[in-house]
Amino acid sequence: MAGTATSCWCARGWSGRCTRIRLPGLEPRGALVADLDLAAGPVRVVAAHLGLLRQSRLLQIETLLHHARAATDRPVVFMGDLNEWRRQGRSSLMHTQTVFGPLGHGVPSFPAYYPVLALDRVFVLPSGRVESFAAHDSPLARVASDHLPVKARVRLTAEPLATPRPTAAHPLPAPRPRLFARRRSLEGPRP
C-alpha cells in the first residue's frame, strides 16, 4: 500500500495532494488517490485500472477500499476500468458493497465497437450521490480506446444540484454493425 505522494495545483482553482499506488497482483497495475479541494468542497478521487485475474482484482479492491475508508472528512469517488462484468456471485466487486452500497447496473462500455459489458464503473461514498451515469459514444471515442469513456454527474454537497440532468434508460445508441471498420481506418487505404 505504499505510494508516492506529490502536491498538485491547477489554474482552474483546485489544489490537492495526489498519491500513486502500486496494486498487488500478477500484472503491473496501479491507481491514483487524489485529495482535491474544489469550489464545491473537498473530495477524494480514487482512479484505478484493475487486473484481468479475479484473484488479483480481489486483492486490488481491498487495497483501494482501505484508501476510500481513510477519507472520513470528504466524499469519495472511486472509478476506473474494473475489468469485472459480473455483479453477483463470484464478482470481485461484491466487496465494494461494504463501503459504497449496492452496485447498480452500470452501462455497457466494452468493447468500444459493440459495447455489451459494463467494465468501467463509478462509485461514490456516501452512496446515492451519482445523479447520472452514461458512456460517451462517438466515432472518435470508438477509435481512441477499446473501452468507451464513461461519465458521471456526482453531487458532492448534501444539497441537490441546481440543474439535475435526467438519466436515460439506455444512454448508448444502437451499436453499429461494422465490426472491422475501426481497424481499416487506422491502417489507411490498402494498395
N, C-alpha and C. Protein backbone atom coordinates (compact mmCIF):
# COMPACT_ATOMS: atom_id res chain seq x y z
N MET A 1 0.81 -1.19 0.00
CA MET A 1 0.00 0.00 0.00
C MET A 1 0.85 1.25 0.00
N ALA A 2 2.11 1.10 -0.15
CA ALA A 2 2.98 2.27 -0.20
C ALA A 2 2.75 3.02 -1.49
N GLY A 3 2.89 4.32 -1.41
CA GLY A 3 2.69 5.15 -2.59
C GLY A 3 3.63 6.33 -2.59
N THR A 4 3.65 7.00 -3.71
CA THR A 4 4.46 8.19 -3.86
C THR A 4 3.52 9.38 -3.87
N ALA A 5 3.70 10.35 -2.98
CA ALA A 5 2.80 11.49 -2.88
C ALA A 5 3.43 12.72 -3.52
N THR A 6 2.59 13.48 -4.19
CA THR A 6 3.01 14.76 -4.76
C THR A 6 1.89 15.76 -4.55
N SER A 7 2.24 17.03 -4.54
CA SER A 7 1.22 18.07 -4.48
C SER A 7 0.88 18.49 -5.89
N CYS A 8 -0.36 18.82 -6.12
CA CYS A 8 -0.76 19.26 -7.45
C CYS A 8 -1.62 20.51 -7.33
N TRP A 9 -1.56 21.34 -8.35
CA TRP A 9 -2.34 22.57 -8.38
C TRP A 9 -2.73 22.84 -9.81
N CYS A 10 -3.89 23.39 -10.00
CA CYS A 10 -4.37 23.68 -11.35
C CYS A 10 -4.81 25.13 -11.41
N ALA A 11 -4.62 25.76 -12.56
CA ALA A 11 -5.00 27.15 -12.74
C ALA A 11 -6.51 27.35 -12.65
N ARG A 12 -7.28 26.28 -12.74
CA ARG A 12 -8.74 26.41 -12.64
C ARG A 12 -9.22 26.56 -11.21
N GLY A 13 -8.33 26.59 -10.27
CA GLY A 13 -8.73 26.90 -8.92
C GLY A 13 -8.80 25.74 -7.95
N TRP A 14 -8.34 24.56 -8.30
CA TRP A 14 -8.33 23.49 -7.32
C TRP A 14 -6.90 23.15 -6.96
N SER A 15 -6.76 22.63 -5.80
CA SER A 15 -5.45 22.18 -5.36
C SER A 15 -5.65 20.88 -4.60
N GLY A 16 -4.58 20.18 -4.36
CA GLY A 16 -4.73 18.94 -3.63
C GLY A 16 -3.45 18.15 -3.55
N ARG A 17 -3.60 16.91 -3.14
CA ARG A 17 -2.48 16.00 -2.95
C ARG A 17 -2.79 14.72 -3.71
N CYS A 18 -1.82 14.22 -4.45
CA CYS A 18 -2.01 13.05 -5.30
C CYS A 18 -1.01 11.98 -4.91
N THR A 19 -1.49 10.74 -4.74
CA THR A 19 -0.64 9.62 -4.36
C THR A 19 -0.78 8.50 -5.37
N ARG A 20 0.33 7.98 -5.85
CA ARG A 20 0.34 6.85 -6.77
C ARG A 20 0.44 5.57 -5.95
N ILE A 21 -0.43 4.61 -6.25
CA ILE A 21 -0.48 3.36 -5.50
C ILE A 21 -0.15 2.20 -6.45
N ARG A 22 0.77 1.36 -6.07
CA ARG A 22 1.04 0.12 -6.80
C ARG A 22 0.09 -0.93 -6.26
N LEU A 23 -0.63 -1.57 -7.17
CA LEU A 23 -1.62 -2.56 -6.76
C LEU A 23 -1.03 -3.96 -6.81
N PRO A 24 -1.41 -4.83 -5.85
CA PRO A 24 -0.89 -6.20 -5.85
C PRO A 24 -1.49 -7.01 -7.00
N GLY A 25 -0.80 -8.06 -7.40
CA GLY A 25 -1.31 -8.94 -8.44
C GLY A 25 -0.20 -9.34 -9.39
N LEU A 26 -0.54 -10.24 -10.32
CA LEU A 26 0.46 -10.75 -11.27
C LEU A 26 0.78 -9.76 -12.37
N GLU A 27 -0.18 -8.92 -12.75
CA GLU A 27 0.05 -7.93 -13.80
C GLU A 27 0.43 -6.59 -13.16
N PRO A 28 1.24 -5.79 -13.82
CA PRO A 28 1.54 -4.46 -13.27
C PRO A 28 0.32 -3.56 -13.38
N ARG A 29 -0.25 -3.19 -12.24
CA ARG A 29 -1.44 -2.34 -12.19
C ARG A 29 -1.22 -1.26 -11.14
N GLY A 30 -1.96 -0.17 -11.29
CA GLY A 30 -1.80 0.92 -10.34
C GLY A 30 -3.06 1.74 -10.19
N ALA A 31 -2.99 2.71 -9.30
CA ALA A 31 -4.11 3.60 -9.03
C ALA A 31 -3.57 4.95 -8.60
N LEU A 32 -4.40 5.95 -8.71
CA LEU A 32 -4.10 7.28 -8.18
C LEU A 32 -5.15 7.64 -7.14
N VAL A 33 -4.69 8.18 -6.03
CA VAL A 33 -5.59 8.68 -4.99
C VAL A 33 -5.31 10.16 -4.86
N ALA A 34 -6.32 10.98 -5.17
CA ALA A 34 -6.15 12.43 -5.15
C ALA A 34 -7.13 13.04 -4.16
N ASP A 35 -6.62 13.79 -3.20
CA ASP A 35 -7.45 14.58 -2.30
C ASP A 35 -7.50 15.99 -2.86
N LEU A 36 -8.68 16.38 -3.36
CA LEU A 36 -8.84 17.66 -4.04
C LEU A 36 -9.65 18.62 -3.20
N ASP A 37 -9.30 19.89 -3.28
CA ASP A 37 -10.08 20.95 -2.64
C ASP A 37 -10.72 21.76 -3.77
N LEU A 38 -12.01 21.50 -4.01
CA LEU A 38 -12.75 22.13 -5.09
C LEU A 38 -13.63 23.24 -4.54
N ALA A 39 -14.19 24.05 -5.42
CA ALA A 39 -15.12 25.09 -5.00
C ALA A 39 -16.35 24.48 -4.33
N ALA A 40 -16.78 23.29 -4.78
CA ALA A 40 -17.94 22.62 -4.19
C ALA A 40 -17.61 21.94 -2.87
N GLY A 41 -16.33 21.87 -2.53
CA GLY A 41 -15.91 21.24 -1.29
C GLY A 41 -14.83 20.21 -1.54
N PRO A 42 -14.29 19.62 -0.48
CA PRO A 42 -13.22 18.63 -0.63
C PRO A 42 -13.78 17.30 -1.14
N VAL A 43 -12.95 16.56 -1.89
CA VAL A 43 -13.33 15.24 -2.40
C VAL A 43 -12.07 14.40 -2.56
N ARG A 44 -12.19 13.12 -2.32
CA ARG A 44 -11.12 12.16 -2.62
C ARG A 44 -11.52 11.40 -3.87
N VAL A 45 -10.62 11.34 -4.85
CA VAL A 45 -10.86 10.60 -6.09
C VAL A 45 -9.87 9.44 -6.14
N VAL A 46 -10.39 8.24 -6.30
CA VAL A 46 -9.58 7.04 -6.44
C VAL A 46 -9.81 6.52 -7.85
N ALA A 47 -8.78 6.57 -8.70
CA ALA A 47 -8.89 6.11 -10.08
C ALA A 47 -7.98 4.91 -10.26
N ALA A 48 -8.53 3.82 -10.82
CA ALA A 48 -7.77 2.58 -10.90
C ALA A 48 -8.02 1.83 -12.19
N HIS A 49 -7.06 1.00 -12.54
CA HIS A 49 -7.19 0.03 -13.63
C HIS A 49 -6.85 -1.31 -13.02
N LEU A 50 -7.88 -2.14 -12.81
CA LEU A 50 -7.68 -3.41 -12.12
C LEU A 50 -7.26 -4.50 -13.09
N GLY A 51 -6.72 -5.58 -12.54
CA GLY A 51 -6.19 -6.68 -13.32
C GLY A 51 -7.26 -7.54 -13.97
N LEU A 52 -6.81 -8.43 -14.84
CA LEU A 52 -7.71 -9.33 -15.55
C LEU A 52 -8.04 -10.58 -14.74
N LEU A 53 -7.20 -10.94 -13.78
CA LEU A 53 -7.41 -12.14 -12.98
C LEU A 53 -8.25 -11.82 -11.75
N ARG A 54 -9.26 -12.65 -11.47
CA ARG A 54 -10.18 -12.40 -10.36
C ARG A 54 -9.44 -12.30 -9.03
N GLN A 55 -8.50 -13.22 -8.78
CA GLN A 55 -7.78 -13.20 -7.50
C GLN A 55 -6.99 -11.90 -7.33
N SER A 56 -6.39 -11.40 -8.40
CA SER A 56 -5.68 -10.12 -8.34
C SER A 56 -6.65 -8.98 -8.07
N ARG A 57 -7.81 -9.00 -8.74
CA ARG A 57 -8.81 -7.94 -8.52
C ARG A 57 -9.28 -7.90 -7.07
N LEU A 58 -9.45 -9.06 -6.44
CA LEU A 58 -9.87 -9.09 -5.04
C LEU A 58 -8.84 -8.38 -4.15
N LEU A 59 -7.57 -8.66 -4.36
CA LEU A 59 -6.51 -8.01 -3.58
C LEU A 59 -6.46 -6.51 -3.88
N GLN A 60 -6.62 -6.15 -5.14
CA GLN A 60 -6.55 -4.75 -5.55
C GLN A 60 -7.72 -3.95 -4.96
N ILE A 61 -8.91 -4.54 -4.97
CA ILE A 61 -10.07 -3.84 -4.41
C ILE A 61 -9.90 -3.64 -2.92
N GLU A 62 -9.39 -4.64 -2.20
CA GLU A 62 -9.16 -4.47 -0.76
C GLU A 62 -8.18 -3.32 -0.49
N THR A 63 -7.13 -3.22 -1.30
CA THR A 63 -6.16 -2.13 -1.15
C THR A 63 -6.84 -0.78 -1.36
N LEU A 64 -7.66 -0.67 -2.41
CA LEU A 64 -8.31 0.59 -2.73
C LEU A 64 -9.40 0.95 -1.72
N LEU A 65 -10.10 -0.04 -1.19
CA LEU A 65 -11.11 0.23 -0.16
C LEU A 65 -10.47 0.80 1.10
N HIS A 66 -9.25 0.37 1.40
CA HIS A 66 -8.52 0.93 2.53
C HIS A 66 -8.36 2.45 2.35
N HIS A 67 -8.00 2.88 1.14
CA HIS A 67 -7.82 4.31 0.86
C HIS A 67 -9.16 5.05 0.85
N ALA A 68 -10.22 4.38 0.43
CA ALA A 68 -11.55 5.01 0.43
C ALA A 68 -12.05 5.20 1.86
N ARG A 69 -11.87 4.20 2.70
CA ARG A 69 -12.32 4.29 4.10
C ARG A 69 -11.55 5.34 4.90
N ALA A 70 -10.30 5.60 4.50
CA ALA A 70 -9.45 6.54 5.23
C ALA A 70 -9.91 7.99 5.10
N ALA A 71 -10.73 8.30 4.10
CA ALA A 71 -11.21 9.67 3.88
C ALA A 71 -12.51 9.87 4.64
N THR A 72 -12.41 10.17 5.92
CA THR A 72 -13.62 10.33 6.73
C THR A 72 -14.19 11.75 6.67
N ASP A 73 -13.38 12.71 6.16
CA ASP A 73 -13.82 14.10 6.17
C ASP A 73 -14.32 14.58 4.81
N ARG A 74 -14.44 13.70 3.83
CA ARG A 74 -14.81 14.13 2.48
C ARG A 74 -15.48 13.00 1.72
N PRO A 75 -16.30 13.34 0.71
CA PRO A 75 -16.86 12.30 -0.16
C PRO A 75 -15.74 11.62 -0.95
N VAL A 76 -16.00 10.39 -1.38
CA VAL A 76 -15.02 9.61 -2.15
C VAL A 76 -15.66 9.19 -3.47
N VAL A 77 -14.94 9.44 -4.57
CA VAL A 77 -15.35 8.96 -5.89
C VAL A 77 -14.34 7.90 -6.30
N PHE A 78 -14.82 6.67 -6.47
CA PHE A 78 -13.99 5.53 -6.85
C PHE A 78 -14.37 5.14 -8.27
N MET A 79 -13.39 5.18 -9.20
CA MET A 79 -13.74 4.95 -10.60
C MET A 79 -12.61 4.27 -11.33
N GLY A 80 -12.96 3.71 -12.49
CA GLY A 80 -11.94 3.16 -13.35
C GLY A 80 -12.39 1.96 -14.15
N ASP A 81 -11.43 1.38 -14.84
CA ASP A 81 -11.63 0.14 -15.58
C ASP A 81 -11.45 -0.97 -14.56
N LEU A 82 -12.56 -1.53 -14.09
CA LEU A 82 -12.51 -2.51 -13.02
C LEU A 82 -12.45 -3.94 -13.55
N ASN A 83 -12.53 -4.11 -14.87
CA ASN A 83 -12.38 -5.42 -15.52
C ASN A 83 -13.26 -6.51 -14.91
N GLU A 84 -14.44 -6.14 -14.46
CA GLU A 84 -15.38 -7.13 -13.90
C GLU A 84 -16.74 -6.89 -14.50
N TRP A 85 -17.28 -7.87 -15.16
CA TRP A 85 -18.59 -7.73 -15.79
C TRP A 85 -19.71 -8.30 -14.92
N ARG A 86 -19.38 -9.17 -13.97
CA ARG A 86 -20.41 -9.77 -13.11
C ARG A 86 -20.76 -8.82 -11.97
N ARG A 87 -22.01 -8.87 -11.54
CA ARG A 87 -22.45 -8.04 -10.42
C ARG A 87 -22.78 -8.89 -9.19
N GLN A 88 -22.92 -10.19 -9.35
CA GLN A 88 -23.31 -11.05 -8.25
C GLN A 88 -22.42 -12.28 -8.20
N GLY A 89 -22.69 -13.15 -7.24
CA GLY A 89 -21.95 -14.41 -7.16
C GLY A 89 -20.47 -14.21 -6.93
N ARG A 90 -19.64 -14.62 -7.87
CA ARG A 90 -18.18 -14.58 -7.73
C ARG A 90 -17.59 -13.24 -8.16
N SER A 91 -18.38 -12.22 -8.30
CA SER A 91 -17.86 -10.92 -8.72
C SER A 91 -16.91 -10.35 -7.68
N SER A 92 -15.77 -9.86 -8.14
CA SER A 92 -14.83 -9.21 -7.23
C SER A 92 -15.37 -7.86 -6.75
N LEU A 93 -16.40 -7.33 -7.41
CA LEU A 93 -17.00 -6.06 -6.99
C LEU A 93 -17.91 -6.20 -5.78
N MET A 94 -18.26 -7.43 -5.40
CA MET A 94 -19.13 -7.63 -4.24
C MET A 94 -18.53 -7.00 -2.98
N HIS A 95 -17.21 -6.96 -2.89
CA HIS A 95 -16.55 -6.39 -1.72
C HIS A 95 -16.72 -4.87 -1.64
N THR A 96 -16.97 -4.21 -2.76
CA THR A 96 -17.17 -2.76 -2.72
C THR A 96 -18.47 -2.38 -2.04
N GLN A 97 -19.42 -3.32 -1.98
CA GLN A 97 -20.72 -3.02 -1.38
C GLN A 97 -20.63 -2.70 0.11
N THR A 98 -19.61 -3.22 0.79
CA THR A 98 -19.46 -2.95 2.22
C THR A 98 -19.17 -1.47 2.47
N VAL A 99 -18.60 -0.78 1.49
CA VAL A 99 -18.26 0.63 1.63
C VAL A 99 -19.19 1.52 0.81
N PHE A 100 -19.45 1.14 -0.45
CA PHE A 100 -20.18 2.00 -1.37
C PHE A 100 -21.65 1.65 -1.55
N GLY A 101 -22.12 0.57 -0.96
CA GLY A 101 -23.52 0.19 -1.11
C GLY A 101 -23.76 -0.62 -2.38
N PRO A 102 -25.04 -0.77 -2.78
CA PRO A 102 -25.38 -1.60 -3.95
C PRO A 102 -24.63 -1.18 -5.21
N LEU A 103 -24.32 -2.17 -6.05
CA LEU A 103 -23.51 -1.94 -7.25
C LEU A 103 -24.23 -1.16 -8.34
N GLY A 104 -25.50 -1.38 -8.54
CA GLY A 104 -26.17 -0.78 -9.67
C GLY A 104 -25.85 -1.56 -10.94
N HIS A 105 -26.42 -1.16 -12.05
CA HIS A 105 -26.30 -1.93 -13.27
C HIS A 105 -25.10 -1.55 -14.12
N GLY A 106 -24.61 -0.34 -14.04
CA GLY A 106 -23.53 0.08 -14.91
C GLY A 106 -24.05 0.31 -16.32
N VAL A 107 -23.17 0.72 -17.21
CA VAL A 107 -23.53 0.91 -18.62
C VAL A 107 -22.51 0.17 -19.48
N PRO A 108 -22.95 -0.42 -20.57
CA PRO A 108 -22.01 -1.12 -21.44
C PRO A 108 -20.96 -0.16 -22.00
N SER A 109 -19.69 -0.54 -21.86
CA SER A 109 -18.61 0.32 -22.34
C SER A 109 -17.52 -0.47 -23.06
N PHE A 110 -17.64 -1.79 -23.10
CA PHE A 110 -16.61 -2.63 -23.72
C PHE A 110 -17.25 -3.75 -24.51
N PRO A 111 -16.72 -4.08 -25.67
CA PRO A 111 -15.71 -3.38 -26.45
C PRO A 111 -16.31 -2.14 -27.11
N ALA A 112 -15.48 -1.17 -27.41
CA ALA A 112 -15.95 0.12 -27.90
C ALA A 112 -16.74 0.00 -29.19
N TYR A 113 -16.36 -0.92 -30.07
CA TYR A 113 -17.04 -1.03 -31.36
C TYR A 113 -18.42 -1.67 -31.24
N TYR A 114 -18.71 -2.39 -30.15
CA TYR A 114 -20.00 -3.02 -29.91
C TYR A 114 -20.15 -3.24 -28.41
N PRO A 115 -20.39 -2.18 -27.65
CA PRO A 115 -20.35 -2.29 -26.18
C PRO A 115 -21.46 -3.17 -25.60
N VAL A 116 -21.06 -4.21 -24.89
CA VAL A 116 -22.01 -5.10 -24.24
C VAL A 116 -21.68 -5.34 -22.77
N LEU A 117 -20.44 -5.10 -22.34
CA LEU A 117 -20.03 -5.36 -20.96
C LEU A 117 -19.79 -4.05 -20.21
N ALA A 118 -20.26 -3.98 -18.96
CA ALA A 118 -20.05 -2.81 -18.11
C ALA A 118 -18.80 -3.02 -17.26
N LEU A 119 -17.63 -2.76 -17.85
CA LEU A 119 -16.37 -2.95 -17.14
C LEU A 119 -15.90 -1.69 -16.43
N ASP A 120 -16.39 -0.54 -16.85
CA ASP A 120 -15.96 0.75 -16.30
C ASP A 120 -17.05 1.27 -15.37
N ARG A 121 -16.66 1.61 -14.15
CA ARG A 121 -17.64 1.95 -13.12
C ARG A 121 -17.26 3.22 -12.38
N VAL A 122 -18.26 3.80 -11.72
CA VAL A 122 -18.06 4.94 -10.82
C VAL A 122 -18.91 4.67 -9.58
N PHE A 123 -18.26 4.66 -8.40
CA PHE A 123 -18.95 4.52 -7.12
C PHE A 123 -18.68 5.78 -6.31
N VAL A 124 -19.63 6.16 -5.46
CA VAL A 124 -19.46 7.36 -4.64
C VAL A 124 -19.85 7.04 -3.20
N LEU A 125 -19.08 7.56 -2.29
CA LEU A 125 -19.35 7.45 -0.85
C LEU A 125 -19.50 8.86 -0.30
N PRO A 126 -20.57 9.22 0.36
CA PRO A 126 -21.75 8.43 0.68
C PRO A 126 -22.55 8.07 -0.58
N SER A 127 -23.20 6.91 -0.52
CA SER A 127 -23.91 6.41 -1.69
C SER A 127 -25.10 7.30 -2.01
N GLY A 128 -25.60 7.16 -3.21
CA GLY A 128 -26.75 7.93 -3.65
C GLY A 128 -26.42 9.29 -4.21
N ARG A 129 -25.16 9.59 -4.45
CA ARG A 129 -24.79 10.92 -4.95
C ARG A 129 -24.49 10.94 -6.45
N VAL A 130 -24.58 9.80 -7.12
CA VAL A 130 -24.41 9.78 -8.57
C VAL A 130 -25.76 10.14 -9.18
N GLU A 131 -25.82 11.29 -9.85
CA GLU A 131 -27.09 11.74 -10.42
C GLU A 131 -27.30 11.26 -11.83
N SER A 132 -26.24 11.02 -12.57
CA SER A 132 -26.35 10.42 -13.90
C SER A 132 -25.05 9.70 -14.22
N PHE A 133 -25.17 8.69 -15.05
CA PHE A 133 -24.03 7.86 -15.42
C PHE A 133 -24.27 7.35 -16.83
N ALA A 134 -23.32 7.57 -17.73
CA ALA A 134 -23.51 7.17 -19.13
C ALA A 134 -22.15 6.91 -19.76
N ALA A 135 -22.17 6.20 -20.86
CA ALA A 135 -20.97 6.03 -21.68
C ALA A 135 -21.00 7.09 -22.76
N HIS A 136 -19.84 7.62 -23.06
CA HIS A 136 -19.72 8.61 -24.14
C HIS A 136 -19.44 7.86 -25.43
N ASP A 137 -20.39 7.91 -26.36
CA ASP A 137 -20.26 7.18 -27.61
C ASP A 137 -20.15 8.17 -28.76
N SER A 138 -19.02 8.14 -29.42
CA SER A 138 -18.80 8.98 -30.60
C SER A 138 -17.82 8.22 -31.50
N PRO A 139 -17.74 8.59 -32.78
CA PRO A 139 -16.78 7.91 -33.65
C PRO A 139 -15.34 8.02 -33.13
N LEU A 140 -14.96 9.17 -32.60
CA LEU A 140 -13.61 9.33 -32.07
C LEU A 140 -13.38 8.46 -30.83
N ALA A 141 -14.39 8.37 -29.95
CA ALA A 141 -14.25 7.54 -28.75
C ALA A 141 -14.09 6.07 -29.11
N ARG A 142 -14.73 5.64 -30.18
CA ARG A 142 -14.63 4.24 -30.60
C ARG A 142 -13.25 3.91 -31.16
N VAL A 143 -12.54 4.92 -31.68
CA VAL A 143 -11.21 4.71 -32.23
C VAL A 143 -10.14 4.90 -31.15
N ALA A 144 -10.40 5.76 -30.17
CA ALA A 144 -9.39 6.14 -29.18
C ALA A 144 -9.00 5.00 -28.24
N SER A 145 -9.92 4.09 -27.95
CA SER A 145 -9.64 3.04 -26.98
C SER A 145 -10.52 1.84 -27.26
N ASP A 146 -10.20 0.72 -26.62
CA ASP A 146 -11.08 -0.44 -26.74
C ASP A 146 -12.26 -0.35 -25.77
N HIS A 147 -12.25 0.65 -24.87
CA HIS A 147 -13.38 0.95 -23.98
C HIS A 147 -13.96 2.30 -24.36
N LEU A 148 -15.29 2.44 -24.24
CA LEU A 148 -15.87 3.77 -24.35
C LEU A 148 -15.65 4.49 -23.03
N PRO A 149 -15.36 5.78 -23.04
CA PRO A 149 -15.23 6.50 -21.77
C PRO A 149 -16.60 6.61 -21.09
N VAL A 150 -16.59 6.56 -19.78
CA VAL A 150 -17.84 6.75 -19.03
C VAL A 150 -17.78 8.09 -18.30
N LYS A 151 -18.94 8.66 -18.07
CA LYS A 151 -19.01 9.95 -17.38
C LYS A 151 -20.13 9.89 -16.36
N ALA A 152 -19.89 10.55 -15.24
CA ALA A 152 -20.87 10.57 -14.15
C ALA A 152 -21.04 12.00 -13.65
N ARG A 153 -22.24 12.34 -13.29
CA ARG A 153 -22.52 13.61 -12.63
C ARG A 153 -22.72 13.29 -11.16
N VAL A 154 -21.82 13.83 -10.32
CA VAL A 154 -21.78 13.50 -8.89
C VAL A 154 -22.10 14.73 -8.07
N ARG A 155 -22.99 14.56 -7.11
CA ARG A 155 -23.33 15.64 -6.18
C ARG A 155 -22.40 15.53 -4.97
N LEU A 156 -21.50 16.51 -4.80
CA LEU A 156 -20.54 16.47 -3.71
C LEU A 156 -21.12 17.01 -2.41
N THR A 157 -22.04 17.95 -2.50
CA THR A 157 -22.63 18.55 -1.31
C THR A 157 -23.92 17.83 -0.97
N ALA A 158 -24.43 18.07 0.23
CA ALA A 158 -25.68 17.44 0.65
C ALA A 158 -26.88 18.02 -0.08
N GLU A 159 -26.77 19.25 -0.60
CA GLU A 159 -27.88 19.86 -1.31
C GLU A 159 -27.93 19.33 -2.74
N PRO A 160 -29.12 19.26 -3.35
CA PRO A 160 -29.18 18.82 -4.75
C PRO A 160 -28.59 19.87 -5.67
N LEU A 161 -28.12 19.43 -6.84
CA LEU A 161 -27.59 20.36 -7.82
C LEU A 161 -28.70 21.22 -8.39
N ALA A 162 -28.35 22.41 -8.87
CA ALA A 162 -29.35 23.35 -9.38
C ALA A 162 -30.06 22.82 -10.61
N THR A 163 -29.34 22.18 -11.52
CA THR A 163 -29.95 21.68 -12.74
C THR A 163 -29.60 20.21 -12.95
N PRO A 164 -30.30 19.31 -12.25
CA PRO A 164 -30.00 17.89 -12.42
C PRO A 164 -30.39 17.43 -13.82
N ARG A 165 -29.57 16.55 -14.38
CA ARG A 165 -29.84 16.00 -15.70
C ARG A 165 -30.48 14.63 -15.54
N PRO A 166 -31.56 14.38 -16.28
CA PRO A 166 -32.18 13.05 -16.18
C PRO A 166 -31.28 11.98 -16.77
N THR A 167 -31.40 10.77 -16.24
CA THR A 167 -30.63 9.64 -16.74
C THR A 167 -31.49 8.85 -17.69
N ALA A 168 -30.98 8.58 -18.88
CA ALA A 168 -31.72 7.78 -19.85
C ALA A 168 -31.64 6.31 -19.48
N ALA A 169 -32.67 5.56 -19.84
CA ALA A 169 -32.68 4.13 -19.54
C ALA A 169 -31.55 3.43 -20.29
N HIS A 170 -31.33 3.76 -21.54
CA HIS A 170 -30.24 3.22 -22.34
C HIS A 170 -29.49 4.38 -22.95
N PRO A 171 -28.41 4.85 -22.32
CA PRO A 171 -27.73 6.04 -22.81
C PRO A 171 -26.95 5.83 -24.11
N LEU A 172 -26.73 4.60 -24.51
CA LEU A 172 -25.96 4.35 -25.72
C LEU A 172 -26.89 4.17 -26.93
N PRO A 173 -26.53 4.73 -28.06
CA PRO A 173 -27.30 4.45 -29.27
C PRO A 173 -27.07 3.00 -29.71
N ALA A 174 -27.91 2.54 -30.62
CA ALA A 174 -27.76 1.18 -31.11
C ALA A 174 -26.38 1.00 -31.72
N PRO A 175 -25.71 -0.11 -31.41
CA PRO A 175 -24.36 -0.32 -31.94
C PRO A 175 -24.37 -0.46 -33.45
N ARG A 176 -23.28 -0.07 -34.05
CA ARG A 176 -23.14 -0.16 -35.49
C ARG A 176 -22.75 -1.57 -35.89
N PRO A 177 -23.26 -2.07 -37.00
CA PRO A 177 -22.95 -3.44 -37.39
C PRO A 177 -21.56 -3.62 -37.99
N ARG A 178 -20.81 -2.54 -38.27
CA ARG A 178 -19.48 -2.64 -38.87
C ARG A 178 -18.47 -3.05 -37.81
N LEU A 179 -18.09 -4.29 -37.77
CA LEU A 179 -17.18 -4.77 -36.75
C LEU A 179 -15.71 -4.48 -37.06
N PHE A 180 -15.33 -4.37 -38.33
CA PHE A 180 -13.93 -4.22 -38.66
C PHE A 180 -13.61 -2.87 -39.27
N ALA A 181 -14.54 -1.93 -39.27
CA ALA A 181 -14.29 -0.61 -39.86
C ALA A 181 -13.21 0.14 -39.10
N ARG A 182 -13.13 -0.04 -37.80
CA ARG A 182 -12.15 0.67 -37.00
C ARG A 182 -10.72 0.30 -37.41
N ARG A 183 -10.43 -0.96 -37.57
CA ARG A 183 -9.09 -1.40 -37.92
C ARG A 183 -8.69 -0.87 -39.30
N ARG A 184 -9.58 -0.92 -40.26
CA ARG A 184 -9.26 -0.43 -41.59
C ARG A 184 -8.95 1.07 -41.57
N SER A 185 -9.71 1.85 -40.79
CA SER A 185 -9.50 3.28 -40.76
C SER A 185 -8.16 3.64 -40.12
N LEU A 186 -7.66 2.82 -39.20
CA LEU A 186 -6.38 3.09 -38.57
C LEU A 186 -5.21 2.72 -39.48
N GLU A 187 -5.38 1.69 -40.29
CA GLU A 187 -4.29 1.25 -41.16
C GLU A 187 -4.16 2.11 -42.41
N GLY A 188 -5.22 2.79 -42.80
CA GLY A 188 -5.18 3.58 -44.03
C GLY A 188 -5.61 2.75 -45.22
N PRO A 189 -5.56 3.32 -46.41
CA PRO A 189 -6.01 2.58 -47.59
C PRO A 189 -5.05 1.45 -47.93
N ARG A 190 -5.62 0.38 -48.46
CA ARG A 190 -4.80 -0.75 -48.87
C ARG A 190 -4.37 -0.56 -50.32
N PRO A 191 -3.16 -1.03 -50.64
CA PRO A 191 -2.68 -0.89 -52.03
C PRO A 191 -3.41 -1.79 -52.99
